[in-house]
Amino acid sequence: MSKILAALIAGLFAAGAFAQAGPKSSETQVQTDSKPQQKAQMKRDAKPAGAVKAMGDTPKAPETGAIGTDKAAMAGEKRAETRDDRRRNKDGSVKQKSMQGATPK
């Protein structure tokens, strides 16, 4: 029984070693002389050498936190300025002003 078990383990090791043999597929071999490869190389070489695009996130809004001057921004600011006046209790009295801070203008 132990000889059969030893032979089975040795067979599994051999099968594992065979499965991990070196690259023999066409996917691992680089084809540098194909027509599409040559066309791509020519296209890459035809591009002018110029400035490299900045990588990563680029800010699209001013860093100063300035409020825009468009119609929506102005309407939002007007609404924010009257927010505390519009907040009412059920009895009609004005609620306590919010303690939330804001960006200085």
Protein backbone atom coordinates (compact mmCIF):
# COMPACT_ATOMS: atom_id res chain seq x y z
CA MET A 1 0.00 0.00 0.00
CA SER A 2 2.78 2.44 0.86
CA LYS A 3 4.53 1.69 -2.46
CA ILE A 4 1.35 2.55 -4.33
CA LEU A 5 0.96 5.74 -2.34
CA ALA A 6 4.61 6.66 -2.99
CA ALA A 7 4.18 6.00 -6.71
CA LEU A 8 1.01 8.09 -6.76
CA ILE A 9 2.75 11.03 -5.05
CA ALA A 10 5.72 10.74 -7.42
CA GLY A 11 3.30 10.71 -10.37
CA LEU A 12 1.61 13.86 -9.10
CA PHE A 13 4.96 15.61 -8.76
CA ALA A 14 5.89 14.57 -12.30
CA ALA A 15 2.54 15.81 -13.64
CA GLY A 16 3.00 19.12 -11.85
CA ALA A 17 6.50 19.54 -13.25
CA PHE A 18 5.25 18.74 -16.75
CA ALA A 19 2.43 21.28 -16.43
CA GLN A 20 4.93 24.01 -15.47
CA ALA A 21 7.26 23.40 -18.40
CA GLY A 22 8.73 26.43 -20.18
CA PRO A 23 6.81 28.64 -22.58
CA LYS A 24 6.03 26.81 -25.78
CA SER A 25 2.91 28.61 -26.92
CA SER A 26 2.74 31.24 -29.64
CA GLU A 27 1.35 33.75 -27.15
CA THR A 28 4.64 34.00 -25.29
CA GLN A 29 6.77 34.44 -28.40
CA VAL A 30 6.89 38.03 -29.56
CA GLN A 31 6.27 38.50 -33.25
CA THR A 32 8.09 41.59 -34.38
CA ASP A 33 7.84 41.10 -38.11
CA SER A 34 4.07 40.88 -38.54
CA LYS A 35 2.23 43.37 -40.71
CA PRO A 36 0.11 44.83 -37.87
CA GLN A 37 3.20 45.16 -35.68
CA GLN A 38 5.07 47.04 -38.40
CA LYS A 39 2.07 49.31 -39.01
CA ALA A 40 1.81 50.12 -35.30
CA GLN A 41 5.53 50.82 -35.13
CA MET A 42 5.29 53.21 -38.09
CA LYS A 43 2.32 54.97 -36.49
CA ARG A 44 4.22 55.38 -33.23
CA ASP A 45 7.30 56.69 -35.02
CA ALA A 46 5.18 59.20 -37.01
CA LYS A 47 3.96 60.95 -33.86
CA PRO A 48 5.75 64.22 -33.15
CA ALA A 49 7.86 64.32 -30.05
CA GLY A 50 6.20 66.92 -27.88
CA ALA A 51 5.07 67.71 -24.41
CA VAL A 52 3.99 64.82 -22.26
CA LYS A 53 0.47 64.94 -20.86
CA ALA A 54 0.26 65.46 -17.14
CA MET A 55 -0.56 62.25 -15.31
CA GLY A 56 -3.10 62.03 -12.53
CA ASP A 57 -5.94 64.27 -11.51
CA THR A 58 -6.01 67.83 -12.70
CA PRO A 59 -8.14 70.39 -10.89
CA LYS A 60 -10.98 71.78 -12.94
CA ALA A 61 -12.05 74.37 -10.35
CA PRO A 62 -10.07 77.15 -8.77
CA GLU A 63 -8.20 76.13 -5.63
CA THR A 64 -9.23 79.30 -3.81
CA GLY A 65 -12.78 78.08 -3.25
CA ALA A 66 -14.14 81.00 -5.21
CA ILE A 67 -17.79 80.85 -6.10
CA GLY A 68 -18.58 80.98 -9.78
CA THR A 69 -20.36 83.85 -11.45
CA ASP A 70 -22.82 81.79 -13.46
CA LYS A 71 -26.56 81.81 -12.89
CA ALA A 72 -26.67 78.59 -10.85
CA ALA A 73 -23.88 79.67 -8.51
CA MET A 74 -25.50 83.01 -7.86
CA ALA A 75 -28.88 81.40 -7.16
CA GLY A 76 -27.23 78.96 -4.76
CA GLU A 77 -25.49 81.74 -2.89
CA LYS A 78 -28.70 83.73 -2.57
CA ARG A 79 -30.46 80.65 -1.21
CA ALA A 80 -27.65 79.97 1.27
CA GLU A 81 -27.80 83.54 2.57
CA THR A 82 -31.53 83.29 3.32
CA ARG A 83 -31.39 79.75 4.69
CA ASP A 84 -31.63 80.68 8.36
CA ASP A 85 -34.64 82.97 7.71
CA ARG A 86 -36.51 80.18 5.93
CA ARG A 87 -36.05 77.62 8.70
CA ARG A 88 -39.10 77.81 10.93
CA ASN A 89 -40.41 75.80 13.87
CA LYS A 90 -43.89 74.32 13.87
CA ASP A 91 -45.19 77.29 15.84
CA GLY A 92 -43.85 79.73 13.23
CA SER A 93 -40.87 81.03 15.17
CA VAL A 94 -37.46 81.13 13.51
CA LYS A 95 -35.20 78.21 14.35
CA GLN A 96 -31.87 78.79 16.01
CA LYS A 97 -29.18 79.72 13.50
CA SER A 98 -27.06 76.85 12.32
CA MET A 99 -23.59 76.53 13.79
CA GLN A 100 -22.25 75.20 10.52
CA GLY A 101 -19.30 77.21 9.30
CA ALA A 102 -18.92 78.48 5.79
CA THR A 103 -16.19 79.47 3.43
CA PRO A 104 -15.17 83.09 4.01
CA LYS A 105 -16.12 85.40 1.17
